[in-house]
N, C-alpha and C. Protein backbone atom coordinates (compact mmCIF):
# COMPACT_ATOMS: atom_id res chain seq x y z
N UNK A 1 0.85 -1.17 0.00
CA UNK A 1 0.00 0.00 0.00
C UNK A 1 0.91 1.25 0.00
N UNK A 2 0.64 2.18 -0.92
CA UNK A 2 1.42 3.42 -1.06
C UNK A 2 0.85 4.45 -0.08
N UNK A 3 1.70 4.99 0.81
CA UNK A 3 1.19 5.82 1.90
C UNK A 3 2.03 7.07 2.13
N UNK A 4 1.41 8.04 2.82
CA UNK A 4 2.11 9.24 3.25
C UNK A 4 1.39 9.84 4.45
N UNK A 5 2.12 10.67 5.19
CA UNK A 5 1.58 11.37 6.36
C UNK A 5 1.51 12.84 5.99
N UNK A 6 0.34 13.47 6.24
CA UNK A 6 0.16 14.84 5.76
C UNK A 6 -0.80 15.63 6.63
N UNK A 7 -0.83 16.92 6.34
CA UNK A 7 -1.84 17.82 6.87
C UNK A 7 -2.87 17.96 5.76
N UNK A 8 -4.07 17.49 6.04
CA UNK A 8 -5.15 17.67 5.08
C UNK A 8 -5.68 19.09 5.25
N UNK A 9 -6.12 19.69 4.18
CA UNK A 9 -6.60 21.07 4.24
C UNK A 9 -8.12 21.11 4.32
N UNK A 10 -8.66 22.00 5.14
CA UNK A 10 -10.12 22.17 5.17
C UNK A 10 -10.62 22.60 3.79
N UNK A 11 -11.88 22.29 3.48
CA UNK A 11 -12.43 22.59 2.16
C UNK A 11 -12.36 24.08 1.81
N UNK A 12 -12.55 24.97 2.79
CA UNK A 12 -12.49 26.40 2.48
C UNK A 12 -11.07 26.83 2.11
N UNK A 13 -10.06 26.17 2.66
CA UNK A 13 -8.66 26.48 2.30
C UNK A 13 -8.38 25.92 0.91
N UNK A 14 -8.86 24.72 0.61
CA UNK A 14 -8.70 24.15 -0.73
C UNK A 14 -9.32 25.07 -1.77
N UNK A 15 -10.46 25.69 -1.44
CA UNK A 15 -11.11 26.61 -2.37
C UNK A 15 -10.25 27.86 -2.60
N UNK A 16 -9.61 28.37 -1.55
CA UNK A 16 -8.74 29.54 -1.71
C UNK A 16 -7.51 29.20 -2.57
N UNK A 17 -6.92 28.03 -2.32
CA UNK A 17 -5.76 27.61 -3.12
C UNK A 17 -6.19 27.40 -4.57
N UNK A 18 -7.37 26.85 -4.77
CA UNK A 18 -7.89 26.64 -6.11
C UNK A 18 -8.05 27.96 -6.87
N UNK A 19 -8.49 29.01 -6.18
CA UNK A 19 -8.61 30.33 -6.81
C UNK A 19 -7.24 30.83 -7.29
N UNK A 20 -6.23 30.67 -6.44
CA UNK A 20 -4.87 31.06 -6.83
C UNK A 20 -4.43 30.23 -8.03
N UNK A 21 -4.71 28.95 -7.99
CA UNK A 21 -4.32 28.05 -9.07
C UNK A 21 -4.96 28.48 -10.39
N UNK A 22 -6.23 28.89 -10.36
CA UNK A 22 -6.92 29.34 -11.58
C UNK A 22 -6.23 30.56 -12.19
N UNK A 23 -5.79 31.47 -11.35
CA UNK A 23 -5.07 32.65 -11.84
C UNK A 23 -3.77 32.24 -12.52
N UNK A 24 -3.08 31.26 -11.95
CA UNK A 24 -1.81 30.81 -12.50
C UNK A 24 -1.99 30.02 -13.80
N UNK A 25 -3.11 29.32 -13.94
CA UNK A 25 -3.37 28.52 -15.15
C UNK A 25 -3.40 29.40 -16.40
N UNK A 26 -3.85 30.64 -16.25
CA UNK A 26 -3.87 31.55 -17.40
C UNK A 26 -2.45 31.85 -17.88
N UNK A 27 -1.51 31.90 -16.96
CA UNK A 27 -0.12 32.21 -17.30
C UNK A 27 0.68 30.97 -17.69
N UNK A 28 0.25 29.81 -17.16
CA UNK A 28 0.98 28.56 -17.39
C UNK A 28 0.00 27.44 -17.76
N UNK A 29 -0.66 27.55 -18.90
CA UNK A 29 -1.74 26.61 -19.23
C UNK A 29 -1.29 25.17 -19.48
N UNK A 30 -0.02 24.95 -19.84
CA UNK A 30 0.39 23.61 -20.25
C UNK A 30 0.84 22.70 -19.11
N UNK A 31 0.75 23.16 -17.87
CA UNK A 31 1.20 22.33 -16.76
C UNK A 31 0.16 21.28 -16.39
N UNK A 32 0.60 20.27 -15.65
CA UNK A 32 -0.29 19.25 -15.12
C UNK A 32 -0.67 19.71 -13.71
N UNK A 33 -1.90 20.18 -13.56
CA UNK A 33 -2.34 20.83 -12.32
C UNK A 33 -2.91 19.83 -11.32
N UNK A 34 -2.55 20.00 -10.06
CA UNK A 34 -3.10 19.18 -8.98
C UNK A 34 -4.58 19.49 -8.82
N UNK A 35 -5.39 18.46 -8.66
CA UNK A 35 -6.82 18.68 -8.44
C UNK A 35 -7.04 19.21 -7.02
N UNK A 36 -7.93 20.18 -6.86
CA UNK A 36 -8.15 20.78 -5.53
C UNK A 36 -8.48 19.77 -4.43
N UNK A 37 -9.20 18.72 -4.75
CA UNK A 37 -9.53 17.73 -3.71
C UNK A 37 -8.28 17.01 -3.19
N UNK A 38 -7.18 17.08 -3.94
CA UNK A 38 -5.95 16.41 -3.54
C UNK A 38 -4.94 17.35 -2.85
N UNK A 39 -5.29 18.60 -2.64
CA UNK A 39 -4.38 19.51 -1.95
C UNK A 39 -4.12 19.03 -0.53
N UNK A 40 -2.86 18.98 -0.16
CA UNK A 40 -2.43 18.62 1.19
C UNK A 40 -0.99 19.08 1.36
N UNK A 41 -0.49 19.02 2.56
CA UNK A 41 0.90 19.35 2.83
C UNK A 41 1.55 18.11 3.44
N UNK A 42 2.41 17.46 2.67
CA UNK A 42 3.03 16.21 3.10
C UNK A 42 4.06 16.46 4.19
N UNK A 43 3.97 15.67 5.26
CA UNK A 43 4.99 15.69 6.31
C UNK A 43 6.04 14.62 6.04
N UNK A 44 5.60 13.47 5.53
CA UNK A 44 6.53 12.39 5.20
C UNK A 44 5.88 11.43 4.20
N UNK A 45 6.55 11.22 3.07
CA UNK A 45 6.12 10.22 2.11
C UNK A 45 6.70 8.89 2.55
N UNK A 46 5.85 7.91 2.77
CA UNK A 46 6.30 6.60 3.25
C UNK A 46 6.53 5.61 2.12
N UNK A 47 5.86 5.81 0.99
CA UNK A 47 5.99 4.88 -0.12
C UNK A 47 5.22 3.60 0.13
N UNK A 48 5.63 2.55 -0.56
CA UNK A 48 4.96 1.25 -0.43
C UNK A 48 5.26 0.64 0.94
N UNK A 49 4.21 0.27 1.66
CA UNK A 49 4.34 -0.34 2.98
C UNK A 49 3.37 -1.52 3.10
N UNK A 50 3.80 -2.54 3.82
CA UNK A 50 2.92 -3.68 4.08
C UNK A 50 1.98 -3.32 5.23
N UNK A 51 0.96 -4.15 5.42
CA UNK A 51 0.02 -3.95 6.52
C UNK A 51 0.77 -3.98 7.85
N UNK A 52 1.70 -4.92 8.01
CA UNK A 52 2.47 -5.02 9.26
C UNK A 52 3.32 -3.76 9.48
N UNK A 53 3.94 -3.26 8.43
CA UNK A 53 4.74 -2.04 8.56
C UNK A 53 3.86 -0.86 8.98
N UNK A 54 2.68 -0.77 8.37
CA UNK A 54 1.75 0.31 8.73
C UNK A 54 1.30 0.21 10.17
N UNK A 55 1.06 -1.00 10.65
CA UNK A 55 0.68 -1.17 12.06
C UNK A 55 1.79 -0.66 12.97
N UNK A 56 3.05 -0.93 12.62
CA UNK A 56 4.18 -0.43 13.39
C UNK A 56 4.27 1.09 13.36
N UNK A 57 4.05 1.67 12.20
CA UNK A 57 4.07 3.13 12.05
C UNK A 57 2.96 3.76 12.88
N UNK A 58 1.77 3.19 12.81
CA UNK A 58 0.64 3.71 13.59
C UNK A 58 0.94 3.61 15.08
N UNK A 59 1.52 2.51 15.50
CA UNK A 59 1.87 2.32 16.91
C UNK A 59 2.86 3.40 17.38
N UNK A 60 3.84 3.71 16.56
CA UNK A 60 4.81 4.76 16.89
C UNK A 60 4.11 6.11 16.97
N UNK A 61 3.29 6.43 15.96
CA UNK A 61 2.62 7.73 15.94
C UNK A 61 1.58 7.87 17.05
N UNK A 62 1.01 6.75 17.49
CA UNK A 62 0.07 6.79 18.62
C UNK A 62 0.75 7.26 19.90
N UNK A 63 2.06 7.08 20.00
CA UNK A 63 2.79 7.43 21.22
C UNK A 63 3.48 8.79 21.16
N UNK A 64 3.37 9.48 20.05
CA UNK A 64 4.02 10.79 19.91
C UNK A 64 3.35 11.81 20.84
N UNK A 65 4.15 12.64 21.52
CA UNK A 65 3.56 13.75 22.27
C UNK A 65 3.25 14.89 21.29
N UNK A 66 2.07 14.86 20.71
CA UNK A 66 1.71 15.82 19.67
C UNK A 66 1.69 17.25 20.22
N UNK A 67 2.16 18.22 19.45
CA UNK A 67 2.11 19.62 19.89
C UNK A 67 0.69 20.17 19.81
N UNK A 68 0.52 21.41 20.21
CA UNK A 68 -0.78 22.06 20.13
C UNK A 68 -1.12 22.46 18.71
N UNK A 69 -2.40 22.73 18.48
CA UNK A 69 -2.85 23.22 17.18
C UNK A 69 -2.20 24.57 16.89
N UNK A 70 -2.06 24.88 15.62
CA UNK A 70 -1.45 26.15 15.22
C UNK A 70 -1.95 26.53 13.84
N UNK A 71 -1.55 27.70 13.38
CA UNK A 71 -1.91 28.18 12.05
C UNK A 71 -0.63 28.59 11.32
N UNK A 72 -0.58 28.32 10.04
CA UNK A 72 0.52 28.82 9.22
C UNK A 72 -0.05 29.49 7.98
N UNK A 73 0.79 30.29 7.32
CA UNK A 73 0.36 31.00 6.11
C UNK A 73 1.05 30.43 4.89
N UNK A 74 0.27 30.10 3.87
CA UNK A 74 0.82 29.78 2.54
C UNK A 74 0.95 31.12 1.84
N UNK A 75 2.20 31.51 1.54
CA UNK A 75 2.37 32.88 1.06
C UNK A 75 3.43 33.09 -0.01
N UNK A 76 3.98 32.00 -0.57
CA UNK A 76 4.97 32.20 -1.63
C UNK A 76 4.95 31.06 -2.64
N UNK A 77 5.22 31.41 -3.89
CA UNK A 77 5.31 30.43 -4.97
C UNK A 77 6.78 30.13 -5.24
N UNK A 78 7.11 28.85 -5.34
CA UNK A 78 8.49 28.42 -5.57
C UNK A 78 8.51 27.26 -6.56
N UNK A 79 9.72 26.86 -6.93
CA UNK A 79 9.94 25.74 -7.85
C UNK A 79 10.81 24.68 -7.22
N UNK A 80 10.56 23.42 -7.56
CA UNK A 80 11.56 22.37 -7.43
C UNK A 80 12.11 22.22 -8.83
N UNK A 81 13.41 22.08 -8.93
CA UNK A 81 14.08 22.06 -10.23
C UNK A 81 14.75 23.41 -10.44
N UNK A 82 15.05 23.71 -11.67
CA UNK A 82 15.71 24.98 -12.00
C UNK A 82 14.82 25.78 -12.95
N UNK A 83 15.19 27.02 -13.18
CA UNK A 83 14.41 27.83 -14.11
C UNK A 83 14.43 27.22 -15.51
N UNK A 84 15.54 26.62 -15.88
CA UNK A 84 15.63 26.03 -17.22
C UNK A 84 15.01 24.63 -17.28
N UNK A 85 14.91 23.96 -16.14
CA UNK A 85 14.30 22.62 -16.09
C UNK A 85 13.42 22.50 -14.84
N UNK A 86 12.32 23.25 -14.80
CA UNK A 86 11.45 23.19 -13.64
C UNK A 86 10.72 21.84 -13.56
N UNK A 87 10.48 21.39 -12.34
CA UNK A 87 9.78 20.11 -12.14
C UNK A 87 8.42 20.30 -11.47
N UNK A 88 8.39 21.09 -10.39
CA UNK A 88 7.16 21.27 -9.61
C UNK A 88 6.99 22.73 -9.24
N UNK A 89 5.78 23.24 -9.43
CA UNK A 89 5.40 24.57 -8.94
C UNK A 89 4.67 24.35 -7.63
N UNK A 90 5.16 25.00 -6.57
CA UNK A 90 4.54 24.76 -5.26
C UNK A 90 4.30 26.04 -4.50
N UNK A 91 3.38 25.93 -3.54
CA UNK A 91 3.01 27.02 -2.65
C UNK A 91 3.59 26.67 -1.28
N UNK A 92 4.32 27.63 -0.71
CA UNK A 92 5.01 27.34 0.54
C UNK A 92 4.64 28.26 1.68
N UNK A 93 4.99 27.83 2.89
CA UNK A 93 4.65 28.59 4.09
C UNK A 93 5.69 29.65 4.43
N UNK A 94 5.20 30.70 5.06
CA UNK A 94 6.06 31.74 5.61
C UNK A 94 5.76 31.82 7.10
N UNK A 95 4.80 32.65 7.46
CA UNK A 95 4.39 32.76 8.86
C UNK A 95 3.91 31.41 9.37
N UNK A 96 4.41 30.99 10.52
CA UNK A 96 4.05 29.69 11.07
C UNK A 96 4.93 28.56 10.59
N UNK A 97 5.92 28.89 9.76
CA UNK A 97 6.81 27.87 9.20
C UNK A 97 7.57 27.12 10.31
N UNK A 98 7.90 27.84 11.39
CA UNK A 98 8.65 27.20 12.47
C UNK A 98 7.84 26.08 13.13
N UNK A 99 6.56 26.35 13.44
CA UNK A 99 5.71 25.32 14.03
C UNK A 99 5.51 24.15 13.07
N UNK A 100 5.34 24.48 11.80
CA UNK A 100 5.18 23.45 10.78
C UNK A 100 6.45 22.60 10.69
N UNK A 101 7.59 23.25 10.74
CA UNK A 101 8.87 22.53 10.71
C UNK A 101 9.03 21.61 11.91
N UNK A 102 8.60 22.08 13.08
CA UNK A 102 8.68 21.24 14.29
C UNK A 102 7.78 20.02 14.16
N UNK A 103 6.57 20.23 13.62
CA UNK A 103 5.64 19.10 13.45
C UNK A 103 6.21 18.09 12.45
N UNK A 104 6.70 18.59 11.32
CA UNK A 104 7.30 17.69 10.33
C UNK A 104 8.51 16.98 10.90
N UNK A 105 9.33 17.70 11.65
CA UNK A 105 10.52 17.10 12.26
C UNK A 105 10.16 16.04 13.29
N UNK A 106 9.10 16.28 14.05
CA UNK A 106 8.65 15.32 15.05
C UNK A 106 8.25 14.00 14.39
N UNK A 107 7.45 14.08 13.34
CA UNK A 107 7.01 12.87 12.63
C UNK A 107 8.20 12.17 12.00
N UNK A 108 9.05 12.92 11.33
CA UNK A 108 10.19 12.34 10.62
C UNK A 108 11.18 11.68 11.59
N UNK A 109 11.44 12.35 12.70
CA UNK A 109 12.35 11.80 13.70
C UNK A 109 11.78 10.53 14.32
N UNK A 110 10.49 10.54 14.67
CA UNK A 110 9.85 9.38 15.29
C UNK A 110 9.95 8.15 14.38
N UNK A 111 9.94 8.38 13.06
CA UNK A 111 9.96 7.26 12.11
C UNK A 111 11.34 7.03 11.50
N UNK A 112 12.36 7.70 12.07
CA UNK A 112 13.74 7.46 11.64
C UNK A 112 14.12 8.08 10.31
N UNK A 113 13.38 9.08 9.85
CA UNK A 113 13.68 9.74 8.58
C UNK A 113 14.69 10.85 8.82
N UNK A 114 15.79 10.81 8.10
CA UNK A 114 16.85 11.80 8.31
C UNK A 114 16.85 12.92 7.28
N UNK A 115 16.17 12.72 6.17
CA UNK A 115 16.13 13.74 5.13
C UNK A 115 15.42 14.99 5.64
N UNK A 116 15.93 16.18 5.31
CA UNK A 116 15.28 17.41 5.81
C UNK A 116 13.86 17.56 5.29
N UNK A 117 13.04 18.24 6.07
CA UNK A 117 11.64 18.48 5.75
C UNK A 117 11.53 19.76 4.94
N UNK A 118 10.89 19.70 3.77
CA UNK A 118 10.67 20.87 2.91
C UNK A 118 9.16 21.05 2.74
N UNK A 119 8.51 21.78 3.67
CA UNK A 119 7.06 21.90 3.59
C UNK A 119 6.61 22.62 2.32
N UNK A 120 5.64 22.02 1.63
CA UNK A 120 5.13 22.63 0.39
C UNK A 120 3.80 21.98 0.01
N UNK A 121 3.04 22.70 -0.78
CA UNK A 121 1.80 22.22 -1.36
C UNK A 121 2.01 22.22 -2.87
N UNK A 122 1.95 21.06 -3.49
CA UNK A 122 2.16 20.97 -4.94
C UNK A 122 0.96 21.53 -5.69
N UNK A 123 1.21 22.56 -6.51
CA UNK A 123 0.15 23.15 -7.34
C UNK A 123 0.13 22.51 -8.72
N UNK A 124 1.33 22.24 -9.28
CA UNK A 124 1.38 21.71 -10.65
C UNK A 124 2.73 21.05 -10.89
N UNK A 125 2.75 20.19 -11.89
CA UNK A 125 4.00 19.54 -12.34
C UNK A 125 4.26 19.96 -13.78
N UNK A 126 5.53 20.15 -14.07
CA UNK A 126 5.94 20.51 -15.43
C UNK A 126 6.16 19.21 -16.20
N UNK A 127 5.63 19.17 -17.42
CA UNK A 127 5.78 18.00 -18.28
C UNK A 127 6.53 18.43 -19.54
N UNK A 128 7.84 18.48 -19.44
CA UNK A 128 8.70 18.85 -20.56
C UNK A 128 8.46 20.27 -21.08
N UNK A 129 7.76 21.09 -20.31
CA UNK A 129 7.57 22.47 -20.71
C UNK A 129 8.70 23.32 -20.13
N UNK A 130 9.05 24.34 -20.85
CA UNK A 130 10.00 25.33 -20.34
C UNK A 130 9.30 26.67 -20.51
N UNK A 131 8.45 27.02 -19.54
CA UNK A 131 7.66 28.25 -19.69
C UNK A 131 8.54 29.49 -19.68
N UNK A 132 8.13 30.45 -20.49
CA UNK A 132 8.82 31.73 -20.49
C UNK A 132 8.40 32.50 -19.25
N UNK A 133 9.28 33.33 -18.77
CA UNK A 133 8.98 34.24 -17.66
C UNK A 133 8.50 33.54 -16.39
N UNK A 134 8.99 32.33 -16.13
CA UNK A 134 8.58 31.63 -14.91
C UNK A 134 8.99 32.43 -13.68
N UNK A 135 10.12 33.11 -13.76
CA UNK A 135 10.59 33.90 -12.60
C UNK A 135 9.58 34.96 -12.20
N UNK A 136 8.83 35.46 -13.15
CA UNK A 136 7.91 36.57 -12.87
C UNK A 136 6.75 36.18 -11.95
N UNK A 137 6.41 34.90 -11.89
CA UNK A 137 5.30 34.50 -11.03
C UNK A 137 5.76 34.00 -9.66
N UNK A 138 7.07 33.76 -9.51
CA UNK A 138 7.58 33.22 -8.25
C UNK A 138 7.70 34.32 -7.20
N UNK A 139 7.68 33.90 -5.95
CA UNK A 139 7.82 34.84 -4.84
C UNK A 139 6.51 34.99 -4.08
N UNK A 140 6.36 36.09 -3.35
CA UNK A 140 5.16 36.27 -2.52
C UNK A 140 3.87 36.28 -3.34
N UNK A 141 2.82 35.71 -2.77
CA UNK A 141 1.51 35.76 -3.41
C UNK A 141 0.80 37.02 -2.94
N UNK A 142 -0.21 37.45 -3.69
CA UNK A 142 -0.90 38.69 -3.38
C UNK A 142 -1.62 38.63 -2.04
N UNK A 143 -2.17 37.46 -1.71
CA UNK A 143 -2.92 37.32 -0.46
C UNK A 143 -2.54 36.02 0.23
N UNK A 144 -2.08 36.13 1.48
CA UNK A 144 -1.74 34.93 2.26
C UNK A 144 -2.97 34.07 2.47
N UNK A 145 -2.74 32.76 2.50
CA UNK A 145 -3.80 31.80 2.81
C UNK A 145 -3.47 31.20 4.17
N UNK A 146 -4.28 31.51 5.18
CA UNK A 146 -4.04 31.02 6.54
C UNK A 146 -4.63 29.62 6.70
N UNK A 147 -3.78 28.69 7.15
CA UNK A 147 -4.17 27.29 7.26
C UNK A 147 -4.15 26.85 8.73
N UNK A 148 -5.32 26.53 9.29
CA UNK A 148 -5.34 26.00 10.65
C UNK A 148 -4.94 24.52 10.65
N UNK A 149 -4.11 24.13 11.61
CA UNK A 149 -3.67 22.73 11.69
C UNK A 149 -4.18 22.16 13.01
N UNK A 150 -5.09 21.20 12.91
CA UNK A 150 -5.69 20.57 14.09
C UNK A 150 -5.36 19.08 14.18
N UNK A 151 -4.92 18.51 13.06
CA UNK A 151 -4.67 17.07 13.04
C UNK A 151 -3.67 16.70 11.95
N UNK A 152 -3.15 15.50 12.10
CA UNK A 152 -2.23 14.90 11.13
C UNK A 152 -2.89 13.61 10.65
N UNK A 153 -2.77 13.33 9.35
CA UNK A 153 -3.47 12.18 8.77
C UNK A 153 -2.49 11.26 8.04
N UNK A 154 -2.67 9.97 8.24
CA UNK A 154 -1.99 8.94 7.46
C UNK A 154 -2.91 8.60 6.30
N UNK A 155 -2.41 8.75 5.08
CA UNK A 155 -3.20 8.51 3.88
C UNK A 155 -2.66 7.32 3.09
N UNK A 156 -3.57 6.64 2.41
CA UNK A 156 -3.20 5.72 1.35
C UNK A 156 -3.36 6.48 0.04
N UNK A 157 -2.41 6.32 -0.86
CA UNK A 157 -2.46 6.94 -2.18
C UNK A 157 -2.76 5.85 -3.19
N UNK A 158 -3.94 5.93 -3.81
CA UNK A 158 -4.34 4.93 -4.82
C UNK A 158 -4.10 5.51 -6.20
N UNK A 159 -3.22 4.86 -6.95
CA UNK A 159 -2.93 5.27 -8.31
C UNK A 159 -3.64 4.35 -9.27
N UNK A 160 -3.96 4.86 -10.42
CA UNK A 160 -4.63 4.07 -11.44
C UNK A 160 -5.06 4.98 -12.57
N UNK A 161 -6.10 4.59 -13.27
CA UNK A 161 -6.63 5.45 -14.33
C UNK A 161 -7.16 6.73 -13.68
N UNK A 162 -6.82 7.85 -14.24
CA UNK A 162 -7.27 9.13 -13.69
C UNK A 162 -6.33 9.64 -12.61
N UNK A 163 -6.76 10.66 -11.90
CA UNK A 163 -5.90 11.25 -10.88
C UNK A 163 -5.77 10.34 -9.66
N UNK A 164 -4.70 10.54 -8.86
CA UNK A 164 -4.59 9.74 -7.64
C UNK A 164 -5.74 10.03 -6.69
N UNK A 165 -6.06 9.04 -5.87
CA UNK A 165 -7.06 9.22 -4.82
C UNK A 165 -6.36 9.04 -3.48
N UNK A 166 -6.65 9.92 -2.54
CA UNK A 166 -6.04 9.88 -1.22
C UNK A 166 -7.09 9.49 -0.20
N UNK A 167 -6.87 8.37 0.46
CA UNK A 167 -7.85 7.81 1.39
C UNK A 167 -7.28 7.85 2.80
N UNK A 168 -7.94 8.56 3.73
CA UNK A 168 -7.46 8.60 5.11
C UNK A 168 -7.49 7.21 5.76
N UNK A 169 -6.39 6.87 6.44
CA UNK A 169 -6.31 5.60 7.17
C UNK A 169 -6.49 5.86 8.67
N UNK A 170 -5.80 6.90 9.18
CA UNK A 170 -5.86 7.22 10.61
C UNK A 170 -5.52 8.69 10.78
N UNK A 171 -6.15 9.32 11.80
CA UNK A 171 -5.89 10.72 12.11
C UNK A 171 -5.46 10.85 13.56
N UNK A 172 -4.58 11.83 13.80
CA UNK A 172 -4.14 12.16 15.16
C UNK A 172 -4.44 13.63 15.41
N UNK A 173 -5.20 13.90 16.47
CA UNK A 173 -5.49 15.28 16.85
C UNK A 173 -4.27 15.87 17.54
N UNK A 174 -4.01 17.13 17.25
CA UNK A 174 -2.92 17.81 17.94
C UNK A 174 -3.35 18.09 19.37
N UNK A 175 -2.42 17.99 20.31
CA UNK A 175 -2.72 18.19 21.73
C UNK A 175 -3.29 19.57 21.96
N UNK A 176 -4.19 19.67 22.90
CA UNK A 176 -4.76 20.96 23.23
C UNK A 176 -5.86 21.38 22.29
N UNK A 177 -6.09 20.61 21.24
CA UNK A 177 -7.15 20.95 20.30
C UNK A 177 -8.45 20.34 20.81
N UNK A 178 -9.41 21.18 21.07
CA UNK A 178 -10.67 20.74 21.68
C UNK A 178 -11.74 20.44 20.66
N UNK A 179 -11.38 20.35 19.35
CA UNK A 179 -12.39 20.08 18.31
C UNK A 179 -12.97 18.69 18.47
């Protein structure tokens, strides 16, 4: 089973990100755009895992001393790759990045992941396109999108015909969150 741990976004936040995405589609129409229902912020991609491995991961995450709920701002557009060979257009955090980094670090450390955490929300993937003036759209966005974080979710990623589907397996509420 292909899995990852992420912050799922509330529907109203997905709608705000979708509005930003629509504005960008006019400037970059040839990209492969992430569907709004799939917007999330990955804390750790686990890849293919067996049922037994997932039980072990869940057991570890059940024992984590989860931090309190917090809010972060999605406020800048960036690239993975280079200007000449871009791979991913993403929306990243500014305000609240420290709390987000601590949460990502907590999950990654608990599961023995040593690779640094790069928080981002994938907006689109480049498919052999080399768009002109990509630099002009990067940087701060016109309006910050404030994202409340109340829980962390373990997802299964189902690939097949059509877009991927993300199915929640288990959720952990952040401590102090009375929702």
